[in-house]
Protein backbone atom coordinates (compact mmCIF):
# COMPACT_ATOMS: atom_id res chain seq x y z
CA MET A 1 -0.04 -0.04 -0.02
CA ALA A 2 1.17 3.64 -0.70
CA ARG A 3 3.00 5.46 1.94
CA ARG A 4 0.25 7.74 3.95
CA LYS A 5 0.92 10.88 5.89
CA SER A 6 1.17 10.95 9.39
CA LYS A 7 -1.99 12.03 11.18
CA GLY A 8 -0.41 13.90 13.82
CA PRO A 9 2.87 15.45 15.16
CA PRO A 10 5.58 12.67 14.06
CA HIS A 11 6.92 10.47 16.45
CA HIS A 12 10.45 10.56 17.51
CA ARG A 13 11.70 6.81 16.88
CA ALA A 14 14.66 5.01 17.46
CA SER A 15 16.87 5.35 14.23
CA GLY A 16 18.02 2.06 12.15
CA SER A 17 15.52 -0.48 13.91
CA THR A 18 15.00 -2.23 10.76
CA ALA A 19 17.34 -2.83 8.11
CA LEU A 20 17.30 -1.05 4.81
CA PRO A 21 15.27 -2.99 2.14
CA ILE A 22 16.89 -5.11 -0.21
CA GLY A 23 17.09 -3.28 -3.62
CA PHE A 24 16.64 0.46 -2.21
CA GLU A 25 20.38 1.37 -2.19
CA GLN A 26 20.69 0.46 -6.02
CA ARG A 27 17.83 2.51 -6.84
CA VAL A 28 18.51 5.91 -4.92
CA PRO A 29 19.58 8.44 -7.85
CA ILE A 30 22.79 9.33 -6.34
CA ALA A 31 25.56 9.30 -8.78
CA ASP A 32 28.53 8.36 -6.69
CA ASP A 33 29.25 5.93 -3.79
CA THR A 34 30.45 8.13 -1.30
CA GLY A 35 27.41 10.34 -1.47
CA ARG A 36 25.15 6.82 -1.33
CA ALA A 37 27.07 5.62 1.83
CA ALA A 38 26.56 9.18 3.50
CA LEU A 39 22.87 8.71 2.88
CA VAL A 40 22.65 5.18 4.59
CA ALA A 41 24.59 6.48 7.51
CA ALA A 42 22.17 9.81 7.81
CA LEU A 43 19.16 7.18 8.00
CA SER A 44 20.95 5.90 11.14
CA THR A 45 20.91 9.17 12.76
CA ALA A 46 18.38 11.12 14.91
CA SER A 47 15.57 13.04 13.15
CA PRO A 48 15.58 16.96 13.51
CA ILE A 49 12.65 18.48 15.47
CA SER A 50 10.88 21.28 13.46
CA ILE A 51 7.98 23.50 13.97
CA ARG A 52 6.15 26.07 11.83
CA LEU A 53 4.74 29.24 13.94
CA ASN A 54 1.66 30.58 13.08
CA PRO A 55 2.00 33.92 12.53
CA ASN A 56 -1.77 34.96 12.85
CA LYS A 57 -1.32 33.95 16.66
CA PRO A 58 0.70 35.86 18.99
CA PHE A 59 3.23 33.30 19.59
CA MET A 60 7.06 33.57 19.08
CA ILE A 61 10.21 31.75 20.40
CA ASP A 62 13.98 32.25 20.06
CA ALA A 63 14.91 29.28 18.09
CA GLU A 64 17.24 28.63 14.94
CA ALA A 65 15.05 29.31 11.80
CA VAL A 66 14.53 26.84 8.84
CA PRO A 67 16.26 28.81 6.05
CA TRP A 68 13.71 28.22 3.45
CA CYS A 69 10.56 28.87 5.60
CA ALA A 70 9.94 32.33 7.21
CA ASN A 71 8.16 30.61 10.04
CA GLY A 72 9.88 27.49 10.46
CA ARG A 73 11.97 26.54 13.54
CA TYR A 74 14.14 23.80 14.72
CA LEU A 75 14.07 22.78 18.49
CA GLU A 76 16.94 21.03 20.21
CA ASP A 77 15.10 18.33 21.71
CA ARG A 78 11.67 16.71 21.05
CA PRO A 79 9.26 17.98 24.24
CA ALA A 80 5.70 16.57 24.97
CA PHE A 81 3.94 19.01 22.37
CA THR A 82 0.50 17.03 23.57
CA LEU A 83 0.71 18.53 26.78
CA ASP A 84 1.21 22.15 25.47
CA PRO A 85 -1.96 24.43 25.16
CA LEU A 86 -0.36 26.52 22.65
CA PHE A 87 -0.09 23.37 20.54
CA HIS A 88 -3.74 22.57 20.91
CA ALA A 89 -4.56 26.41 20.26
CA GLY A 90 -2.91 26.24 16.37
CA ALA A 91 -0.06 28.59 17.59
CA TYR A 92 2.35 26.33 15.90
CA TYR A 93 2.12 23.15 13.70
CA VAL A 94 4.93 20.30 14.51
CA GLN A 95 6.17 19.77 10.73
CA GLU A 96 9.14 18.22 9.14
CA ALA A 97 11.27 20.73 7.85
CA SER A 98 11.81 19.63 4.32
CA SER A 99 8.54 19.66 3.61
CA MET A 100 8.23 23.34 4.29
CA LEU A 101 10.26 23.77 1.13
CA LEU A 102 6.51 24.30 0.01
CA GLU A 103 7.03 28.06 0.74
CA LYS A 104 9.30 28.26 -2.16
CA ALA A 105 7.28 26.67 -4.57
CA VAL A 106 4.31 28.74 -3.88
CA VAL A 107 6.42 31.73 -4.01
CA ALA A 108 7.56 31.00 -7.50
CA THR A 109 4.26 30.48 -8.69
CA GLY A 110 3.27 34.17 -7.38
CA CYS A 111 0.00 32.93 -6.00
CA HIS A 112 0.84 34.38 -2.92
CA GLU A 113 0.40 37.80 -4.33
CA ARG A 114 -3.22 37.79 -5.81
CA ASP A 115 -6.55 36.08 -4.52
CA VAL A 116 -6.44 32.45 -5.77
CA ILE A 117 -8.56 29.46 -5.74
CA ALA A 118 -6.35 26.45 -4.37
CA LEU A 119 -6.81 22.77 -4.03
CA ASP A 120 -4.72 20.35 -1.75
CA LEU A 121 -5.84 17.16 -3.31
CA CYS A 122 -4.32 14.92 -0.48
CA ALA A 123 -4.22 17.14 2.43
CA ALA A 124 -4.33 15.15 5.65
CA PRO A 125 -3.26 15.26 8.25
CA GLY A 126 -3.06 19.13 7.17
CA GLY A 127 0.75 20.38 7.70
CA LYS A 128 0.84 21.66 3.92
CA SER A 129 -3.05 22.95 3.80
CA THR A 130 -2.07 25.18 7.06
CA HIS A 131 1.14 26.14 5.46
CA LEU A 132 -0.83 27.11 2.15
CA LEU A 133 -3.47 29.19 4.55
CA GLN A 134 -0.29 31.22 5.56
CA LEU A 135 1.04 31.62 2.29
CA LEU A 136 -2.15 32.65 0.21
CA THR A 137 -3.91 35.98 0.52
CA PRO A 138 -6.82 36.19 3.02
CA ASN A 139 -9.12 36.37 0.52
CA SER A 140 -8.18 33.18 -1.47
CA LEU A 141 -9.87 30.15 -0.88
CA LEU A 142 -8.32 26.52 -0.11
CA VAL A 143 -10.12 23.55 -0.69
CA ALA A 144 -8.52 20.73 1.67
CA ASN A 145 -9.58 17.16 0.25
CA GLU A 146 -8.79 13.81 2.10
CA LEU A 147 -10.87 10.90 0.93
CA HIS A 148 -10.43 8.94 4.05
CA ALA A 149 -13.00 9.71 6.88
CA GLU A 150 -10.35 9.08 9.71
CA ARG A 151 -7.67 11.06 8.22
CA ARG A 152 -9.97 13.82 7.14
CA ALA A 153 -11.28 14.48 10.69
CA VAL A 154 -7.65 15.17 11.90
CA LEU A 155 -7.35 17.42 8.68
CA THR A 156 -10.38 19.32 9.55
CA GLU A 157 -9.18 19.76 13.04
CA ASN A 158 -5.86 20.84 12.27
CA CYS A 159 -7.59 23.50 9.73
CA TRP A 160 -9.84 24.69 12.08
CA LYS A 161 -7.13 24.74 14.74
CA HIS A 162 -5.21 27.07 12.49
CA GLY A 163 -7.75 29.49 12.45
CA SER A 164 -7.85 30.66 9.06
CA PRO A 165 -11.60 30.94 7.74
CA ASN A 166 -11.03 30.63 4.18
CA VAL A 167 -10.95 27.10 4.11
CA MET A 168 -13.73 24.16 3.03
CA ILE A 169 -13.08 20.32 3.90
CA ALA A 170 -13.72 18.00 0.72
CA GLY A 171 -13.90 13.97 0.94
CA SER A 172 -13.45 13.32 -2.85
CA GLN A 173 -11.75 10.96 -5.12
CA ALA A 174 -9.39 12.42 -7.41
CA GLY A 175 -12.22 11.44 -10.25
CA ASP A 176 -14.54 13.56 -8.77
CA LEU A 177 -12.77 16.50 -10.25
CA GLU A 178 -13.76 15.60 -13.77
CA PRO A 179 -16.50 18.18 -13.91
CA LEU A 180 -14.12 20.85 -12.35
CA THR A 181 -11.93 21.34 -15.66
CA SER A 182 -10.16 24.45 -15.30
CA CYS A 183 -11.44 25.43 -11.87
CA PHE A 184 -8.19 25.82 -9.65
CA ASP A 185 -5.25 28.26 -10.20
CA LEU A 186 -3.14 26.50 -7.60
CA ILE A 187 -3.07 22.83 -7.08
CA LEU A 188 -1.06 21.03 -4.04
CA LEU A 189 -0.67 17.18 -5.37
CA ASP A 190 1.31 15.87 -2.16
CA ALA A 191 1.10 12.21 -3.63
CA PRO A 192 1.02 9.03 -1.56
CA CYS A 193 4.48 7.37 -2.22
CA SER A 194 6.43 4.64 -1.36
CA GLY A 195 7.78 6.72 1.66
CA GLU A 196 11.77 6.30 1.23
CA GLY A 197 12.23 9.86 2.92
CA MET A 198 10.52 8.55 6.01
CA PHE A 199 13.19 5.60 6.65
CA ARG A 200 15.01 7.43 9.12
CA LYS A 201 12.27 8.19 11.52
CA ASP A 202 9.55 5.37 10.57
CA PRO A 203 10.42 1.68 10.80
CA PHE A 204 7.12 0.81 8.94
CA ALA A 205 8.27 2.71 5.94
CA ARG A 206 11.22 0.41 5.58
CA ALA A 207 9.25 -2.68 6.42
CA GLN A 208 6.85 -1.97 3.76
CA TRP A 209 9.18 -0.95 0.83
CA SER A 210 9.03 -2.96 -2.32
CA GLU A 211 9.95 -2.53 -5.66
CA ARG A 212 6.58 -3.78 -6.16
CA LEU A 213 5.28 -0.79 -4.01
CA VAL A 214 7.22 1.80 -6.11
CA GLU A 215 5.33 0.71 -9.20
CA GLN A 216 2.00 0.70 -7.51
CA CYS A 217 2.44 3.90 -6.18
CA ALA A 218 3.74 5.28 -9.50
CA ALA A 219 0.46 4.30 -10.93
CA THR A 220 -1.52 5.65 -8.37
CA GLN A 221 0.35 9.03 -8.82
CA GLN A 222 -0.21 9.00 -12.55
CA GLY A 223 -3.93 8.88 -11.93
CA LEU A 224 -3.61 11.78 -9.49
CA ALA A 225 -1.67 14.00 -11.49
CA LYS A 226 -3.88 13.25 -14.59
CA HIS A 227 -7.18 14.74 -12.56
CA ALA A 228 -5.28 17.48 -11.02
CA TRP A 229 -3.89 18.75 -14.46
CA GLN A 230 -7.22 18.79 -15.99
CA ALA A 231 -9.01 20.81 -13.13
CA LEU A 232 -6.03 23.42 -12.98
CA ASN A 233 -6.96 26.66 -14.80
CA PRO A 234 -4.35 27.91 -17.71
CA GLY A 235 -1.52 29.60 -16.54
CA GLY A 236 -2.15 27.90 -12.92
CA ALA A 237 0.44 25.89 -11.37
CA LEU A 238 0.67 22.40 -9.94
CA VAL A 239 3.03 21.73 -7.08
CA TYR A 240 4.04 18.07 -7.01
CA SER A 241 5.74 16.49 -4.05
CA THR A 242 6.36 13.24 -2.38
CA CYS A 243 8.48 11.71 0.27
CA THR A 244 10.23 9.58 -1.51
CA TRP A 245 13.49 9.74 -3.93
CA GLU A 246 12.07 7.35 -6.65
CA PRO A 247 12.39 8.58 -10.02
CA MET A 248 9.56 6.79 -11.16
CA GLU A 249 7.33 8.53 -8.61
CA ASN A 250 8.73 11.78 -9.14
CA GLU A 251 10.55 13.11 -12.37
CA VAL A 252 8.68 10.32 -14.55
CA GLN A 253 5.42 11.83 -13.14
CA VAL A 254 6.38 15.58 -13.85
CA ALA A 255 7.65 14.67 -17.15
CA GLU A 256 4.05 13.42 -18.39
CA LEU A 257 2.68 16.98 -17.39
CA VAL A 258 5.62 18.56 -19.28
CA ALA A 259 4.73 16.36 -22.15
CA GLN A 260 1.33 18.28 -22.37
CA GLY A 261 3.28 21.62 -22.42
CA GLY A 262 3.78 22.12 -18.95
CA GLU A 263 6.72 24.49 -18.03
CA CYS A 264 8.94 23.58 -14.94
CA LEU A 265 9.33 26.34 -12.56
CA GLU A 266 12.97 27.25 -11.16
CA LEU A 267 12.53 27.84 -7.05
CA PRO A 268 14.84 30.31 -5.59
CA ILE A 269 17.12 27.99 -3.72
CA ASP A 270 20.22 28.98 -1.76
CA PRO A 271 23.11 26.26 -2.51
CA ALA A 272 23.79 26.67 1.42
CA TRP A 273 20.77 24.96 1.95
CA GLY A 274 21.61 21.41 0.62
CA VAL A 275 18.65 20.94 -1.61
CA GLU A 276 19.56 19.18 -4.83
CA ARG A 277 18.37 20.86 -8.07
CA SER A 278 17.50 17.79 -10.14
CA GLU A 279 17.15 17.41 -13.95
CA LEU A 280 16.47 13.80 -14.44
CA HIS A 281 14.18 12.65 -17.21
CA GLY A 282 14.29 16.44 -18.66
CA VAL A 283 12.25 17.94 -15.89
CA VAL A 284 13.63 20.42 -13.03
CA GLY A 285 12.84 19.22 -9.49
CA TYR A 286 14.28 19.49 -5.98
CA ARG A 287 15.43 16.91 -3.98
CA CYS A 288 16.00 16.98 -0.31
CA TYR A 289 18.52 13.78 1.26
CA PRO A 290 19.12 13.84 5.13
CA HIS A 291 23.00 13.74 4.79
CA ARG A 292 22.63 16.98 2.86
CA VAL A 293 19.82 18.97 4.53
CA ARG A 294 18.32 19.13 8.00
CA GLY A 295 15.28 17.55 7.41
CA GLU A 296 13.93 14.24 6.14
CA GLY A 297 13.63 13.02 2.16
CA PHE A 298 11.68 14.86 0.24
CA PHE A 299 10.69 15.73 -3.49
CA LEU A 300 9.11 19.04 -5.19
CA SER A 301 8.72 19.99 -8.61
CA VAL A 302 6.37 23.10 -9.84
CA VAL A 303 5.00 23.04 -13.30
CA ARG A 304 2.81 25.78 -15.07
CA LYS A 305 0.06 24.97 -17.27
CA PRO A 306 0.12 26.70 -20.84
CA GLY A 307 -2.01 29.81 -20.81
CA GLN A 308 -2.86 33.08 -19.12
CA LEU A 309 -4.05 32.95 -15.68
CA GLU A 310 -7.33 35.18 -15.29
CA LEU A 311 -8.16 37.51 -12.44
CA HIS A 312 -11.51 36.26 -10.66
CA GLU A 313 -14.24 38.87 -10.83
CA SER A 314 -16.37 39.44 -7.78
CA PRO A 315 -20.20 38.07 -8.36
CA GLU A 316 -23.14 40.25 -9.25
CA GLY A 317 -24.95 41.40 -5.91
CA TYR A 318 -22.03 40.89 -3.86
CA LYS A 319 -22.49 42.36 -0.59
CA GLU A 320 -19.40 43.53 0.95
CA HIS A 321 -20.68 43.59 4.64
CA ILE A 322 -22.66 40.52 6.23
CA SER A 323 -23.04 40.75 9.84
CA LEU A 324 -22.92 37.34 11.64
CA PRO A 325 -23.21 36.63 15.34
CA TRP A 326 -19.54 36.43 17.08
CA VAL A 327 -18.04 37.04 13.65
CA LYS A 328 -15.61 40.14 12.76
CA PRO A 329 -17.65 42.67 11.02
CA SER A 330 -14.76 43.11 8.53
CA MET A 331 -15.47 39.65 7.19
CA CYS A 332 -17.19 39.38 4.33
CA PHE A 333 -19.21 36.10 4.55
CA GLU A 334 -22.30 34.60 3.35
CA SER A 335 -24.06 32.30 5.69
CA PHE A 336 -26.12 29.18 5.36
CA GLU A 337 -27.09 26.14 7.96
CA ARG A 338 -26.31 22.40 7.32
CA ASN A 339 -27.54 19.95 10.06
CA GLY A 340 -27.94 21.95 12.75
CA ILE A 341 -24.60 23.91 12.14
CA LEU A 342 -24.27 27.79 10.70
CA TYR A 343 -21.38 27.84 8.51
CA ALA A 344 -19.59 31.26 6.88
CA ARG A 345 -17.98 31.20 3.76
CA PRO A 346 -16.32 33.92 1.69
CA ALA A 347 -19.02 35.71 -0.19
CA ALA A 348 -16.50 36.83 -3.00
CA TRP A 349 -16.32 33.07 -3.94
CA SER A 350 -19.96 32.24 -4.06
CA ARG A 351 -20.18 31.38 -7.98
CA GLU A 352 -17.09 29.02 -7.38
CA LEU A 353 -18.36 27.64 -4.29
CA GLU A 354 -21.70 26.27 -6.05
CA ARG A 355 -19.68 24.70 -8.67
CA LEU A 356 -17.56 23.11 -5.93
CA SER A 357 -20.32 21.89 -3.89
CA ALA A 358 -22.11 20.40 -7.13
CA ALA A 359 -18.87 18.27 -7.89
CA LEU A 360 -17.02 17.64 -4.78
CA ARG A 361 -18.27 15.73 -1.75
CA ILE A 362 -17.97 18.90 0.85
CA THR A 363 -17.98 17.85 4.46
CA ALA A 364 -17.04 21.20 6.17
CA PRO A 365 -18.42 23.87 3.69
CA GLY A 366 -17.02 26.97 5.35
CA LEU A 367 -16.02 28.05 8.84
CA PRO A 368 -18.71 26.54 11.44
CA TYR A 369 -19.43 29.63 13.56
CA ALA A 370 -22.49 28.57 15.44
CA GLU A 371 -24.22 25.15 16.34
CA ARG A 372 -27.98 24.88 17.57
CA LYS A 373 -28.55 24.35 21.35
CA GLY A 374 -32.21 23.60 22.13
CA GLU A 375 -34.05 26.64 20.57
CA GLY A 376 -31.05 28.98 20.27
CA TRP A 377 -27.62 29.14 18.94
CA ALA A 378 -24.28 28.72 20.47
CA PRO A 379 -21.00 29.47 19.16
CA HIS A 380 -18.84 26.55 17.67
CA ALA A 381 -15.84 25.40 18.78
CA ALA A 382 -13.96 26.16 15.62
CA LEU A 383 -14.92 30.06 15.90
CA ALA A 384 -13.26 29.98 19.30
CA LEU A 385 -9.76 29.29 17.39
CA SER A 386 -10.58 31.22 14.54
CA ASN A 387 -9.18 34.47 13.13
CA ALA A 388 -12.55 35.36 12.23
CA LEU A 389 -13.86 35.73 15.92
CA ASP A 390 -15.08 39.04 17.16
CA ARG A 391 -13.49 38.75 20.70
CA SER A 392 -15.38 41.89 21.75
CA THR A 393 -18.94 40.18 21.67
CA ALA A 394 -17.82 37.43 24.58
CA SER A 395 -16.35 37.37 27.69
CA GLU A 396 -12.94 36.03 28.08
CA VAL A 397 -11.37 33.68 31.05
CA ALA A 398 -7.60 33.58 30.95
CA LEU A 399 -6.42 30.17 32.08
CA ASN A 400 -3.18 29.38 33.68
CA GLN A 401 -1.24 26.46 32.51
CA PRO A 402 -2.81 23.79 34.76
CA ASP A 403 -6.30 24.85 34.15
CA ALA A 404 -5.85 25.14 30.34
CA ILE A 405 -4.57 21.47 30.77
CA ARG A 406 -7.63 20.70 32.55
CA PHE A 407 -9.89 22.20 30.01
CA LEU A 408 -8.10 20.62 27.50
CA ARG A 409 -8.78 16.91 29.10
CA GLY A 410 -12.62 18.08 29.18
CA GLU A 411 -13.00 18.83 32.61
CA ALA A 412 -15.17 21.47 34.38
CA LEU A 413 -13.32 24.13 36.14
CA MET A 414 -14.37 25.25 39.55
CA ALA A 415 -15.23 29.01 39.77
CA ASP A 416 -17.30 31.59 41.70
CA GLY A 417 -19.63 33.65 39.82
CA ALA A 418 -19.45 31.30 36.39
CA GLU A 419 -22.20 32.71 34.37
CA GLY A 420 -23.10 32.67 30.47
CA MET A 421 -20.93 31.55 27.42
CA SER A 422 -17.10 32.72 27.83
CA LEU A 423 -14.11 32.24 25.73
CA ALA A 424 -11.42 30.19 27.46
CA SER A 425 -7.47 31.84 26.41
CA PHE A 426 -4.14 30.82 27.27
CA GLU A 427 -1.60 33.30 26.70
CA GLY A 428 -4.02 35.59 24.59
CA ILE A 429 -4.89 32.78 22.34
CA GLY A 430 -8.48 31.84 22.23
CA LEU A 431 -8.97 27.88 23.03
CA GLY A 432 -12.59 26.95 23.23
CA TRP A 433 -16.08 27.94 25.03
CA MET A 434 -17.16 27.49 28.60
CA HIS A 435 -20.68 27.90 29.94
CA GLY A 436 -20.97 29.29 33.45
CA ALA A 437 -23.00 27.05 35.97
CA GLY A 438 -22.61 29.21 39.17
CA THR A 439 -19.91 27.47 40.96
CA ARG A 440 -18.36 26.10 37.80
CA TRP A 441 -17.63 26.36 34.04
CA ASN A 442 -18.84 23.44 32.08
CA ASN A 443 -16.70 22.64 29.17
CA ARG A 444 -17.43 22.82 25.57
CA TRP A 445 -14.31 21.42 24.25
CA PRO A 446 -14.86 18.97 21.54
CA SER A 447 -14.58 15.43 23.19
CA ALA A 448 -12.73 13.79 19.99
CA TRP A 449 -9.75 16.56 20.81
CA ARG A 450 -9.39 15.95 23.99
CA ILE A 451 -6.05 15.28 25.86
CA ARG A 452 -5.79 11.65 26.79
CA MET A 453 -2.18 11.19 27.72
CA HIS A 454 -0.90 11.86 31.41
CA ALA A 455 2.23 13.33 32.54
CA SER A 456 5.12 12.69 30.35
CA GLU A 457 8.46 11.69 31.32
CA ALA A 458 9.42 13.90 27.85
CA ALA A 459 10.52 17.63 28.55
CA ALA A 460 8.11 20.24 28.70
CA VAL A 461 7.95 22.85 25.73
CA PRO A 462 10.86 24.84 26.37
CA TRP A 463 8.72 28.17 26.15
CA SER A 464 6.47 26.89 28.91
CA LYS A 465 6.12 29.35 32.01
CA GLN A 466 4.75 26.12 34.09
């Protein structure tokens, strides 16, 4: 089966616990024996630990920067992220550093400078989707798609915790894109792959690898790329990436797009980073090897579709100000109800949203900002974490670290004079909702998101004030 991306923060595993698969070394596209030996040696070293800060939430740390990502940071050790309220608040995302190269890809396309409609086709667990939300303009729209329900739930959680309201979640197969010809300006295809780039940190990736798996993955990738390419607007860009080094899964797939008139884009890469520029099979790609880059294995290529990318026009009758409860009045949203939940979505994209909804299985059609409670409405958990929340409309209770952990475990918090609905916050960042019941705050943190681990022997996060 194809290598799937982790559902959450990557676990720090003992390196070298499983031998490298037979046949792997001979397939790695490194020309010299010295380089190949250096790669094999690097696969037995500890994986670097890195996070990506969320610039829309007030949290900064003094740590070494990931040079190709403005908000990427390296940590010296892996702390207990699960016991950090800021992690649950979406103040940062635990992400492998090489994959943050996506930032340079988006910059190369120019899509960070204009309002676009983008698709992350294989989006779970959400690291690259949340990175895209940071890179795109606030008025752009991202469709984050994941076919598998369990993984899609994690994707949804991570997107909501990140806090950008301009995202909708879908659970469609790639074939569902057929009615959406020339729909998206930017598509990220982070394709399922044979997982060679994860050999250092994941023994399962080593154990499942085979030459047959490579062939199976290549066939899957070809189908995904075909559907993505036809859904791309003329002049739009497709970012193709994997966590493997196999040319059959990388350059060969990109070459199919180039054969249809696609043009590979050059990325602004500093040679000091150690990222290797590849021209295998006549296409331009970028490879990260752990003996050269402080990160895991990764491949990325950017292909522009022939044509001119057109500007999007606002639909007729577009209302610039639609007042929604608990939502910032400056946000230009339209509202609708589905299954007892009120969703807000960007009004400027109403025409495109109708087309998307007709073709795709949309599971979260916008920002859920309210849910029915009895005869009335209560603010939704996602709104507490969102940049769209108007914090002047709700009372707020600032929690210390121990109480924040209790809240994230789903516990009620004892307090005198607790009344009404209040926002629980930590270090100035919204966490979730509590409802006062006189002597206690009843907890509205979603049960699926609760902390279930106990105190860990792992070190606390270095920025903890506990």
